[in-house]
PDB file of N, CA and C in Angstrom:
ATOM      1  N   MET A   1     104.638 120.557 117.346  1.00  0.00           N
ATOM      2  CA  MET A   1     105.049 119.319 117.992  1.00  0.00           C
ATOM      3  C   MET A   1     103.998 118.246 117.749  1.00  0.00           C
ATOM      4  N   THR A   2     104.464 117.032 117.557  1.00  0.00           N
ATOM      5  CA  THR A   2     103.570 115.885 117.462  1.00  0.00           C
ATOM      6  C   THR A   2     103.516 115.207 118.822  1.00  0.00           C
ATOM      7  N   SER A   3     102.315 114.834 119.213  1.00  0.00           N
ATOM      8  CA  SER A   3     102.105 114.126 120.469  1.00  0.00           C
ATOM      9  C   SER A   3     101.508 112.761 120.154  1.00  0.00           C
ATOM     10  N   VAL A   4     102.152 111.706 120.648  1.00  0.00           N
ATOM     11  CA  VAL A   4     101.638 110.348 120.465  1.00  0.00           C
ATOM     12  C   VAL A   4     101.253 109.815 121.837  1.00  0.00           C
ATOM     13  N   GLU A   5     100.021 109.360 121.932  1.00  0.00           N
ATOM     14  CA  GLU A   5      99.506 108.797 123.177  1.00  0.00           C
ATOM     15  C   GLU A   5      99.331 107.294 122.979  1.00  0.00           C
ATOM     16  N   ILE A   6      99.971 106.514 123.836  1.00  0.00           N
ATOM     17  CA  ILE A   6      99.884 105.057 123.807  1.00  0.00           C
ATOM     18  C   ILE A   6      98.984 104.649 124.969  1.00  0.00           C
ATOM     19  N   LEU A   7      97.859 104.019 124.667  1.00  0.00           N
ATOM     20  CA  LEU A   7      96.904 103.626 125.698  1.00  0.00           C
ATOM     21  C   LEU A   7      97.027 102.132 125.955  1.00  0.00           C
ATOM     22  N   ARG A   8      97.234 101.783 127.221  1.00  0.00           N
ATOM     23  CA  ARG A   8      97.402 100.393 127.623  1.00  0.00           C
ATOM     24  C   ARG A   8      96.249  99.987 128.532  1.00  0.00           C
ATOM     25  N   ASP A   9      95.857  98.717 128.446  1.00  0.00           N
ATOM     26  CA  ASP A   9      94.802  98.215 129.332  1.00  0.00           C
ATOM     27  C   ASP A   9      95.392  97.920 130.715  1.00  0.00           C
ATOM     28  N   ALA A  10      94.574  97.389 131.596  1.00  0.00           N
ATOM     29  CA  ALA A  10      95.007  97.114 132.975  1.00  0.00           C
ATOM     30  C   ALA A  10      96.156  96.107 133.036  1.00  0.00           C
ATOM     31  N   ASP A  11      96.290  95.272 131.996  1.00  0.00           N
ATOM     32  CA  ASP A  11      97.381  94.290 131.938  1.00  0.00           C
ATOM     33  C   ASP A  11      98.645  94.858 131.296  1.00  0.00           C
ATOM     34  N   GLY A  12      98.598  96.131 130.917  1.00  0.00           N
ATOM     35  CA  GLY A  12      99.750  96.764 130.290  1.00  0.00           C
ATOM     36  C   GLY A  12      99.859  96.534 128.800  1.00  0.00           C
ATOM     37  N   LYS A  13      98.831  95.942 128.196  1.00  0.00           N
ATOM     38  CA  LYS A  13      98.836  95.670 126.755  1.00  0.00           C
ATOM     39  C   LYS A  13      98.303  96.891 126.000  1.00  0.00           C
ATOM     40  N   ILE A  14      98.951  97.245 124.913  1.00  0.00           N
ATOM     41  CA  ILE A  14      98.506  98.387 124.116  1.00  0.00           C
ATOM     42  C   ILE A  14      97.176  98.049 123.459  1.00  0.00           C
ATOM     43  N   CYS A  15      96.195  98.926 123.643  1.00  0.00           N
ATOM     44  CA  CYS A  15      94.878  98.717 123.051  1.00  0.00           C
ATOM     45  C   CYS A  15      94.502  99.847 122.089  1.00  0.00           C
ATOM     46  N   GLU A  16      95.258 100.936 122.125  1.00  0.00           N
ATOM     47  CA  GLU A  16      94.959 102.069 121.243  1.00  0.00           C
ATOM     48  C   GLU A  16      96.170 102.995 121.208  1.00  0.00           C
ATOM     49  N   PHE A  17      96.342 103.683 120.086  1.00  0.00           N
ATOM     50  CA  PHE A  17      97.329 104.760 120.032  1.00  0.00           C
ATOM     51  C   PHE A  17      96.775 105.889 119.185  1.00  0.00           C
ATOM     52  N   ARG A  18      97.215 107.110 119.523  1.00  0.00           N
ATOM     53  CA  ARG A  18      96.738 108.322 118.849  1.00  0.00           C
ATOM     54  C   ARG A  18      97.915 109.260 118.617  1.00  0.00           C
ATOM     55  N   SER A  19      97.924 109.872 117.469  1.00  0.00           N
ATOM     56  CA  SER A  19      98.952 110.853 117.136  1.00  0.00           C
ATOM     57  C   SER A  19      98.262 112.139 116.701  1.00  0.00           C
ATOM     58  N   ARG A  20      98.728 113.261 117.261  1.00  0.00           N
ATOM     59  CA  ARG A  20      98.139 114.564 116.930  1.00  0.00           C
ATOM     60  C   ARG A  20      99.240 115.576 116.651  1.00  0.00           C
ATOM     61  N   GLY A  21      98.972 116.446 115.696  1.00  0.00           N
ATOM     62  CA  GLY A  21      99.845 117.580 115.456  1.00  0.00           C
ATOM     63  C   GLY A  21     100.901 117.330 114.399  1.00  0.00           C
ATOM     64  N   HIS A  22     101.633 118.389 114.131  1.00  0.00           N
ATOM     65  CA  HIS A  22     102.726 118.349 113.159  1.00  0.00           C
ATOM     66  C   HIS A  22     104.024 118.645 113.901  1.00  0.00           C
ATOM     67  N   THR A  23     105.083 117.982 113.540  1.00  0.00           N
ATOM     68  CA  THR A  23     106.332 118.146 114.281  1.00  0.00           C
ATOM     69  C   THR A  23     106.894 119.556 114.162  1.00  0.00           C
ATOM     70  N   GLY A  24     106.778 120.148 112.984  1.00  0.00           N
ATOM     71  CA  GLY A  24     107.329 121.485 112.797  1.00  0.00           C
ATOM     72  C   GLY A  24     108.840 121.500 112.626  1.00  0.00           C
ATOM     73  N   TYR A  25     109.429 120.349 112.396  1.00  0.00           N
ATOM     74  CA  TYR A  25     110.879 120.260 112.217  1.00  0.00           C
ATOM     75  C   TYR A  25     111.320 120.943 110.923  1.00  0.00           C
ATOM     76  N   ALA A  26     110.522 120.783 109.877  1.00  0.00           N
ATOM     77  CA  ALA A  26     110.829 121.386 108.575  1.00  0.00           C
ATOM     78  C   ALA A  26     109.518 121.582 107.824  1.00  0.00           C
ATOM     79  N   GLU A  27     109.611 122.208 106.664  1.00  0.00           N
ATOM     80  CA  GLU A  27     108.403 122.442 105.871  1.00  0.00           C
ATOM     81  C   GLU A  27     107.827 121.116 105.375  1.00  0.00           C
ATOM     82  N   ALA A  28     106.533 121.145 105.079  1.00  0.00           N
ATOM     83  CA  ALA A  28     105.844 119.945 104.590  1.00  0.00           C
ATOM     84  C   ALA A  28     106.586 119.378 103.383  1.00  0.00           C
ATOM     85  N   GLY A  29     106.733 118.066 103.362  1.00  0.00           N
ATOM     86  CA  GLY A  29     107.436 117.397 102.279  1.00  0.00           C
ATOM     87  C   GLY A  29     108.929 117.243 102.524  1.00  0.00           C
ATOM     88  N   ARG A  30     109.449 117.950 103.533  1.00  0.00           N
ATOM     89  CA  ARG A  30     110.878 117.872 103.856  1.00  0.00           C
ATOM     90  C   ARG A  30     111.116 117.565 105.337  1.00  0.00           C
ATOM     91  N   ASP A  31     110.047 117.267 106.044  1.00  0.00           N
ATOM     92  CA  ASP A  31     110.112 117.060 107.491  1.00  0.00           C
ATOM     93  C   ASP A  31     110.450 115.603 107.797  1.00  0.00           C
ATOM     94  N   LEU A  32     111.718 115.342 108.067  1.00  0.00           N
ATOM     95  CA  LEU A  32     112.176 113.974 108.314  1.00  0.00           C
ATOM     96  C   LEU A  32     111.602 113.390 109.599  1.00  0.00           C
ATOM     97  N   VAL A  33     111.408 114.216 110.614  1.00  0.00           N
ATOM     98  CA  VAL A  33     110.841 113.725 111.872  1.00  0.00           C
ATOM     99  C   VAL A  33     109.403 113.281 111.644  1.00  0.00           C
ATOM    100  N   CYS A  34     108.638 114.106 110.963  1.00  0.00           N
ATOM    101  CA  CYS A  34     107.246 113.763 110.648  1.00  0.00           C
ATOM    102  C   CYS A  34     107.185 112.489 109.804  1.00  0.00           C
ATOM    103  N   ALA A  35     108.057 112.395 108.816  1.00  0.00           N
ATOM    104  CA  ALA A  35     108.070 111.209 107.954  1.00  0.00           C
ATOM    105  C   ALA A  35     108.396 109.953 108.756  1.00  0.00           C
ATOM    106  N   GLY A  36     109.336 110.047 109.678  1.00  0.00           N
ATOM    107  CA  GLY A  36     109.688 108.898 110.504  1.00  0.00           C
ATOM    108  C   GLY A  36     108.547 108.456 111.395  1.00  0.00           C
ATOM    109  N   VAL A  37     107.917 109.420 112.063  1.00  0.00           N
ATOM    110  CA  VAL A  37     106.788 109.116 112.950  1.00  0.00           C
ATOM    111  C   VAL A  37     105.640 108.509 112.150  1.00  0.00           C
ATOM    112  N   SER A  38     105.305 109.134 111.031  1.00  0.00           N
ATOM    113  CA  SER A  38     104.208 108.638 110.191  1.00  0.00           C
ATOM    114  C   SER A  38     104.483 107.227 109.694  1.00  0.00           C
ATOM    115  N   SER A  39     105.704 106.974 109.261  1.00  0.00           N
ATOM    116  CA  SER A  39     106.058 105.644 108.758  1.00  0.00           C
ATOM    117  C   SER A  39     105.919 104.580 109.835  1.00  0.00           C
ATOM    118  N   ILE A  40     106.389 104.875 111.024  1.00  0.00           N
ATOM    119  CA  ILE A  40     106.293 103.906 112.122  1.00  0.00           C
ATOM    120  C   ILE A  40     104.839 103.612 112.451  1.00  0.00           C
ATOM    121  N   LEU A  41     104.025 104.656 112.596  1.00  0.00           N
ATOM    122  CA  LEU A  41     102.619 104.470 112.960  1.00  0.00           C
ATOM    123  C   LEU A  41     101.850 103.725 111.874  1.00  0.00           C
ATOM    124  N   GLN A  42     102.033 104.132 110.626  1.00  0.00           N
ATOM    125  CA  GLN A  42     101.299 103.503 109.533  1.00  0.00           C
ATOM    126  C   GLN A  42     101.750 102.061 109.308  1.00  0.00           C
ATOM    127  N   THR A  43     103.016 101.769 109.523  1.00  0.00           N
ATOM    128  CA  THR A  43     103.497 100.396 109.396  1.00  0.00           C
ATOM    129  C   THR A  43     102.899  99.516 110.488  1.00  0.00           C
ATOM    130  N   ALA A  44     102.748 100.054 111.689  1.00  0.00           N
ATOM    131  CA  ALA A  44     102.101  99.292 112.770  1.00  0.00           C
ATOM    132  C   ALA A  44     100.662  98.958 112.389  1.00  0.00           C
ATOM    133  N   VAL A  45      99.939  99.932 111.848  1.00  0.00           N
ATOM    134  CA  VAL A  45      98.552  99.688 111.422  1.00  0.00           C
ATOM    135  C   VAL A  45      98.520  98.618 110.337  1.00  0.00           C
ATOM    136  N   LEU A  46      99.412  98.711 109.364  1.00  0.00           N
ATOM    137  CA  LEU A  46      99.468  97.700 108.298  1.00  0.00           C
ATOM    138  C   LEU A  46      99.767  96.313 108.859  1.00  0.00           C
ATOM    139  N   GLY A  47     100.683  96.230 109.795  1.00  0.00           N
ATOM    140  CA  GLY A  47     101.008  94.940 110.404  1.00  0.00           C
ATOM    141  C   GLY A  47      99.812  94.319 111.100  1.00  0.00           C
ATOM    142  N   LEU A  48      99.067  95.145 111.824  1.00  0.00           N
ATOM    143  CA  LEU A  48      97.886  94.652 112.535  1.00  0.00           C
ATOM    144  C   LEU A  48      96.782  94.226 111.574  1.00  0.00           C
ATOM    145  N   GLU A  49      96.492  95.094 110.601  1.00  0.00           N
ATOM    146  CA  GLU A  49      95.358  94.836 109.705  1.00  0.00           C
ATOM    147  C   GLU A  49      95.684  93.854 108.583  1.00  0.00           C
ATOM    148  N   GLU A  50      96.818  94.034 107.943  1.00  0.00           N
ATOM    149  CA  GLU A  50      97.132  93.233 106.757  1.00  0.00           C
ATOM    150  C   GLU A  50      97.838  91.917 107.100  1.00  0.00           C
ATOM    151  N   TYR A  51      98.782  91.962 108.019  1.00  0.00           N
ATOM    152  CA  TYR A  51      99.527  90.748 108.351  1.00  0.00           C
ATOM    153  C   TYR A  51      98.769  89.867 109.340  1.00  0.00           C
ATOM    154  N   LEU A  52      98.276  90.475 110.424  1.00  0.00           N
ATOM    155  CA  LEU A  52      97.562  89.690 111.440  1.00  0.00           C
ATOM    156  C   LEU A  52      96.064  89.584 111.178  1.00  0.00           C
ATOM    157  N   LYS A  53      95.563  90.368 110.230  1.00  0.00           N
ATOM    158  CA  LYS A  53      94.134  90.361 109.869  1.00  0.00           C
ATOM    159  C   LYS A  53      93.239  90.751 111.051  1.00  0.00           C
ATOM    160  N   LEU A  54      93.726  91.667 111.879  1.00  0.00           N
ATOM    161  CA  LEU A  54      92.933  92.145 113.011  1.00  0.00           C
ATOM    162  C   LEU A  54      92.025  93.287 112.572  1.00  0.00           C
ATOM    163  N   PRO A  55      90.780  93.275 113.016  1.00  0.00           N
ATOM    164  CA  PRO A  55      89.925  94.422 112.727  1.00  0.00           C
ATOM    165  C   PRO A  55      90.318  95.577 113.656  1.00  0.00           C
ATOM    166  N   CYS A  56      90.710  96.680 113.073  1.00  0.00           N
ATOM    167  CA  CYS A  56      91.092  97.861 113.844  1.00  0.00           C
ATOM    168  C   CYS A  56      90.197  99.026 113.450  1.00  0.00           C
ATOM    169  N   LYS A  57      89.900  99.855 114.400  1.00  0.00           N
ATOM    170  CA  LYS A  57      89.162 101.085 114.121  1.00  0.00           C
ATOM    171  C   LYS A  57      90.213 102.175 113.929  1.00  0.00           C
ATOM    172  N   VAL A  58      90.420 102.558 112.671  1.00  0.00           N
ATOM    173  CA  VAL A  58      91.451 103.535 112.336  1.00  0.00           C
ATOM    174  C   VAL A  58      90.786 104.821 111.875  1.00  0.00           C
ATOM    175  N   GLU A  59      91.243 105.931 112.421  1.00  0.00           N
ATOM    176  CA  GLU A  59      90.798 107.252 111.980  1.00  0.00           C
ATOM    177  C   GLU A  59      92.039 108.020 111.560  1.00  0.00           C
ATOM    178  N   GLN A  60      91.963 108.605 110.370  1.00  0.00           N
ATOM    179  CA  GLN A  60      93.117 109.340 109.871  1.00  0.00           C
ATOM    180  C   GLN A  60      92.650 110.578 109.127  1.00  0.00           C
ATOM    181  N   GLU A  61      93.254 111.698 109.474  1.00  0.00           N
ATOM    182  CA  GLU A  61      93.047 112.945 108.752  1.00  0.00           C
ATOM    183  C   GLU A  61      94.327 113.748 108.908  1.00  0.00           C
ATOM    184  N   LYS A  62      94.384 114.883 108.286  1.00  0.00           N
ATOM    185  CA  LYS A  62      95.610 115.673 108.329  1.00  0.00           C
ATOM    186  C   LYS A  62      95.988 115.996 109.777  1.00  0.00           C
ATOM    187  N   GLY A  63      97.168 115.568 110.186  1.00  0.00           N
ATOM    188  CA  GLY A  63      97.658 115.840 111.526  1.00  0.00           C
ATOM    189  C   GLY A  63      97.079 114.955 112.612  1.00  0.00           C
ATOM    190  N   TYR A  64      96.381 113.876 112.237  1.00  0.00           N
ATOM    191  CA  TYR A  64      95.774 113.002 113.245  1.00  0.00           C
ATOM    192  C   TYR A  64      95.722 111.564 112.735  1.00  0.00           C
ATOM    193  N   LEU A  65      96.070 110.633 113.612  1.00  0.00           N
ATOM    194  CA  LEU A  65      95.921 109.206 113.324  1.00  0.00           C
ATOM    195  C   LEU A  65      95.600 108.509 114.636  1.00  0.00           C
ATOM    196  N   SER A  66      94.581 107.670 114.616  1.00  0.00           N
ATOM    197  CA  SER A  66      94.297 106.839 115.789  1.00  0.00           C
ATOM    198  C   SER A  66      94.013 105.419 115.328  1.00  0.00           C
ATOM    199  N   CYS A  67      94.345 104.481 116.187  1.00  0.00           N
ATOM    200  CA  CYS A  67      94.099 103.071 115.911  1.00  0.00           C
ATOM    201  C   CYS A  67      93.669 102.408 117.207  1.00  0.00           C
ATOM    202  N   GLN A  68      92.473 101.859 117.178  1.00  0.00           N
ATOM    203  CA  GLN A  68      91.926 101.148 118.336  1.00  0.00           C
ATOM    204  C   GLN A  68      91.733  99.698 117.915  1.00  0.00           C
ATOM    205  N   LEU A  69      92.171  98.762 118.770  1.00  0.00           N
ATOM    206  CA  LEU A  69      92.046  97.368 118.381  1.00  0.00           C
ATOM    207  C   LEU A  69      91.450  96.538 119.499  1.00  0.00           C
ATOM    208  N   GLU A  70      90.812  95.476 119.074  1.00  0.00           N
ATOM    209  CA  GLU A  70      90.347  94.447 119.999  1.00  0.00           C
ATOM    210  C   GLU A  70      91.424  93.377 119.999  1.00  0.00           C
ATOM    211  N   ARG A  71      91.988  93.107 121.144  1.00  0.00           N
ATOM    212  CA  ARG A  71      93.082  92.141 121.210  1.00  0.00           C
ATOM    213  C   ARG A  71      92.558  90.720 121.076  1.00  0.00           C
ATOM    214  N   ASP A  72      93.265  89.930 120.317  1.00  0.00           N
ATOM    215  CA  ASP A  72      92.969  88.511 120.136  1.00  0.00           C
ATOM    216  C   ASP A  72      93.979  87.746 120.992  1.00  0.00           C
ATOM    217  N   ILE A  73      93.490  87.050 122.024  1.00  0.00           N
ATOM    218  CA  ILE A  73      94.425  86.401 122.953  1.00  0.00           C
ATOM    219  C   ILE A  73      95.334  85.383 122.267  1.00  0.00           C
ATOM    220  N   PHE A  74      94.883  84.855 121.136  1.00  0.00           N
ATOM    221  CA  PHE A  74      95.700  83.880 120.417  1.00  0.00           C
ATOM    222  C   PHE A  74      96.830  84.549 119.634  1.00  0.00           C
ATOM    223  N   LEU A  75      96.729  85.868 119.460  1.00  0.00           N
ATOM    224  CA  LEU A  75      97.749  86.608 118.720  1.00  0.00           C
ATOM    225  C   LEU A  75      98.489  87.612 119.604  1.00  0.00           C
ATOM    226  N   ASN A  76      98.363  87.492 120.914  1.00  0.00           N
ATOM    227  CA  ASN A  76      98.974  88.471 121.823  1.00  0.00           C
ATOM    228  C   ASN A  76     100.462  88.677 121.561  1.00  0.00           C
ATOM    229  N   ARG A  77     101.183  87.600 121.354  1.00  0.00           N
ATOM    230  CA  ARG A  77     102.629  87.710 121.142  1.00  0.00           C
ATOM    231  C   ARG A  77     102.942  88.510 119.876  1.00  0.00           C
ATOM    232  N   GLU A  78     102.219  88.224 118.807  1.00  0.00           N
ATOM    233  CA  GLU A  78     102.434  88.916 117.543  1.00  0.00           C
ATOM    234  C   GLU A  78     102.014  90.383 117.639  1.00  0.00           C
ATOM    235  N   ILE A  79     100.877  90.633 118.291  1.00  0.00           N
ATOM    236  CA  ILE A  79     100.403  92.008 118.474  1.00  0.00           C
ATOM    237  C   ILE A  79     101.437  92.796 119.272  1.00  0.00           C
ATOM    238  N   ASP A  80     101.904  92.203 120.364  1.00  0.00           N
ATOM    239  CA  ASP A  80     102.912  92.871 121.192  1.00  0.00           C
ATOM    240  C   ASP A  80     104.185  93.157 120.398  1.00  0.00           C
ATOM    241  N   ALA A  81     104.613  92.222 119.565  1.00  0.00           N
ATOM    242  CA  ALA A  81     105.832  92.428 118.777  1.00  0.00           C
ATOM    243  C   ALA A  81     105.687  93.659 117.884  1.00  0.00           C
ATOM    244  N   ILE A  82     104.557  93.785 117.222  1.00  0.00           N
ATOM    245  CA  ILE A  82     104.329  94.934 116.338  1.00  0.00           C
ATOM    246  C   ILE A  82     104.243  96.224 117.143  1.00  0.00           C
ATOM    247  N   LEU A  83     103.402  96.236 118.174  1.00  0.00           N
ATOM    248  CA  LEU A  83     103.136  97.483 118.893  1.00  0.00           C
ATOM    249  C   LEU A  83     104.289  97.921 119.794  1.00  0.00           C
ATOM    250  N   GLU A  84     104.958  96.990 120.434  1.00  0.00           N
ATOM    251  CA  GLU A  84     106.089  97.377 121.282  1.00  0.00           C
ATOM    252  C   GLU A  84     107.275  97.838 120.430  1.00  0.00           C
ATOM    253  N   THR A  85     107.431  97.263 119.237  1.00  0.00           N
ATOM    254  CA  THR A  85     108.455  97.750 118.314  1.00  0.00           C
ATOM    255  C   THR A  85     108.108  99.157 117.848  1.00  0.00           C
ATOM    256  N   MET A  86     106.821  99.426 117.608  1.00  0.00           N
ATOM    257  CA  MET A  86     106.367 100.775 117.271  1.00  0.00           C
ATOM    258  C   MET A  86     106.782 101.757 118.367  1.00  0.00           C
ATOM    259  N   VAL A  87     106.532 101.397 119.625  1.00  0.00           N
ATOM    260  CA  VAL A  87     106.879 102.270 120.751  1.00  0.00           C
ATOM    261  C   VAL A  87     108.393 102.494 120.812  1.00  0.00           C
ATOM    262  N   LEU A  88     109.176 101.442 120.606  1.00  0.00           N
ATOM    263  CA  LEU A  88     110.636 101.589 120.603  1.00  0.00           C
ATOM    264  C   LEU A  88     111.087 102.590 119.542  1.00  0.00           C
ATOM    265  N   GLY A  89     110.526 102.486 118.347  1.00  0.00           N
ATOM    266  CA  GLY A  89     110.879 103.404 117.270  1.00  0.00           C
ATOM    267  C   GLY A  89     110.492 104.840 117.580  1.00  0.00           C
ATOM    268  N   LEU A  90     109.290 105.030 118.122  1.00  0.00           N
ATOM    269  CA  LEU A  90     108.841 106.376 118.481  1.00  0.00           C
ATOM    270  C   LEU A  90     109.706 106.970 119.586  1.00  0.00           C
ATOM    271  N   ARG A  91     110.036 106.169 120.583  1.00  0.00           N
ATOM    272  CA  ARG A  91     110.877 106.660 121.686  1.00  0.00           C
ATOM    273  C   ARG A  91     112.290 107.023 121.191  1.00  0.00           C
ATOM    274  N   ALA A  92     112.802 106.277 120.235  1.00  0.00           N
ATOM    275  CA  ALA A  92     114.119 106.594 119.670  1.00  0.00           C
ATOM    276  C   ALA A  92     114.088 107.956 118.980  1.00  0.00           C
ATOM    277  N   ILE A  93     113.034 108.220 118.224  1.00  0.00           N
ATOM    278  CA  ILE A  93     112.903 109.526 117.571  1.00  0.00           C
ATOM    279  C   ILE A  93     112.730 110.622 118.618  1.00  0.00           C
ATOM    280  N   ALA A  94     111.900 110.375 119.635  1.00  0.00           N
ATOM    281  CA  ALA A  94     111.656 111.379 120.679  1.00  0.00           C
ATOM    282  C   ALA A  94     112.939 111.713 121.447  1.00  0.00           C
ATOM    283  N   ARG A  95     113.820 110.738 121.631  1.00  0.00           N
ATOM    284  CA  ARG A  95     115.100 111.005 122.307  1.00  0.00           C
ATOM    285  C   ARG A  95     115.978 111.943 121.481  1.00  0.00           C
ATOM    286  N   GLU A  96     115.954 111.758 120.177  1.00  0.00           N
ATOM    287  CA  GLU A  96     116.784 112.576 119.290  1.00  0.00           C
ATOM    288  C   GLU A  96     116.176 113.951 119.016  1.00  0.00           C
ATOM    289  N   TYR A  97     114.854 114.023 119.027  1.00  0.00           N
ATOM    290  CA  TYR A  97     114.146 115.262 118.677  1.00  0.00           C
ATOM    291  C   TYR A  97     113.068 115.579 119.714  1.00  0.00           C
ATOM    292  N   PRO A  98     113.447 115.780 120.977  1.00  0.00           N
ATOM    293  CA  PRO A  98     112.448 115.958 122.042  1.00  0.00           C
ATOM    294  C   PRO A  98     111.582 117.203 121.883  1.00  0.00           C
ATOM    295  N   GLU A  99     112.060 118.187 121.169  1.00  0.00           N
ATOM    296  CA  GLU A  99     111.260 119.398 120.971  1.00  0.00           C
ATOM    297  C   GLU A  99     110.218 119.239 119.863  1.00  0.00           C
ATOM    298  N   TYR A 100     110.256 118.104 119.159  1.00  0.00           N
ATOM    299  CA  TYR A 100     109.333 117.882 118.044  1.00  0.00           C
ATOM    300  C   TYR A 100     108.394 116.696 118.240  1.00  0.00           C
ATOM    301  N   LEU A 101     108.717 115.798 119.168  1.00  0.00           N
ATOM    302  CA  LEU A 101     107.888 114.614 119.395  1.00  0.00           C
ATOM    303  C   LEU A 101     107.810 114.298 120.883  1.00  0.00           C
ATOM    304  N   LYS A 102     106.589 114.100 121.351  1.00  0.00           N
ATOM    305  CA  LYS A 102     106.352 113.695 122.736  1.00  0.00           C
ATOM    306  C   LYS A 102     105.558 112.393 122.701  1.00  0.00           C
ATOM    307  N   VAL A 103     106.026 111.387 123.434  1.00  0.00           N
ATOM    308  CA  VAL A 103     105.344 110.096 123.526  1.00  0.00           C
ATOM    309  C   VAL A 103     104.899 109.913 124.972  1.00  0.00           C
ATOM    310  N   GLU A 104     103.593 109.733 125.157  1.00  0.00           N
ATOM    311  CA  GLU A 104     103.033 109.530 126.492  1.00  0.00           C
ATOM    312  C   GLU A 104     102.324 108.185 126.542  1.00  0.00           C
ATOM    313  N   GLU A 105     102.378 107.537 127.697  1.00  0.00           N
ATOM    314  CA  GLU A 105     101.676 106.268 127.878  1.00  0.00           C
ATOM    315  C   GLU A 105     100.669 106.391 129.010  1.00  0.00           C
ATOM    316  N   VAL A 106      99.489 105.833 128.787  1.00  0.00           N
ATOM    317  CA  VAL A 106      98.424 105.817 129.784  1.00  0.00           C
ATOM    318  C   VAL A 106      98.095 104.358 130.066  1.00  0.00           C
ATOM    319  N   VAL A 107      98.228 103.946 131.321  1.00  0.00           N
ATOM    320  CA  VAL A 107      97.943 102.561 131.706  1.00  0.00           C
ATOM    321  C   VAL A 107      96.597 102.508 132.413  1.00  0.00           C
ATOM    322  N   GLY A 108      95.835 101.457 132.130  1.00  0.00           N
ATOM    323  CA  GLY A 108      94.525 101.287 132.756  1.00  0.00           C
ATOM    324  C   GLY A 108      93.393 101.793 131.899  1.00  0.00           C
ATOM    325  N   HIS A 109      93.672 102.021 130.603  1.00  0.00           N
ATOM    326  CA  HIS A 109      92.652 102.507 129.672  1.00  0.00           C
ATOM    327  C   HIS A 109      91.656 101.393 129.360  1.00  0.00           C
ATOM    328  N   VAL A 110      90.400 101.764 129.242  1.00  0.00           N
ATOM    329  CA  VAL A 110      89.346 100.811 128.887  1.00  0.00           C
ATOM    330  C   VAL A 110      88.712 101.287 127.592  1.00  0.00           C
ATOM    331  N   ASN A 111      88.721 100.439 126.553  1.00  0.00           N
ATOM    332  CA  ASN A 111      88.052 100.789 125.295  1.00  0.00           C
ATOM    333  C   ASN A 111      86.556 100.861 125.511  1.00  0.00           C
ATOM    334  N   VAL A 112      85.962 101.906 124.985  1.00  0.00           N
ATOM    335  CA  VAL A 112      84.510 102.077 125.105  1.00  0.00           C
ATOM    336  C   VAL A 112      83.884 101.955 123.743  1.00  0.00           C
TER     337      VAL A 112
END
């Protein structure tokens, strides 16, 4: 199972997300659930870094991806559009494949 943790600050704004594990839906290279989750997460990172030019602390290795960002108040609307759309996509997959993807949200997180 893949677990995605969405960390929100005290204002409810996403400040970090982490993905761990493999979905186990199918063998590597044929796992549509894993491919969907990976595509959504990586596209969010690209939107933040390449489109909005935000400096993000990204860690990626096999079965793990994390992205921590410093929010720019002048880009809050754009950041929210990217990240909340990411959450919508992940939740849609989790509804269809609950045994393979779990999405959790933590509110009140403080970046250290």
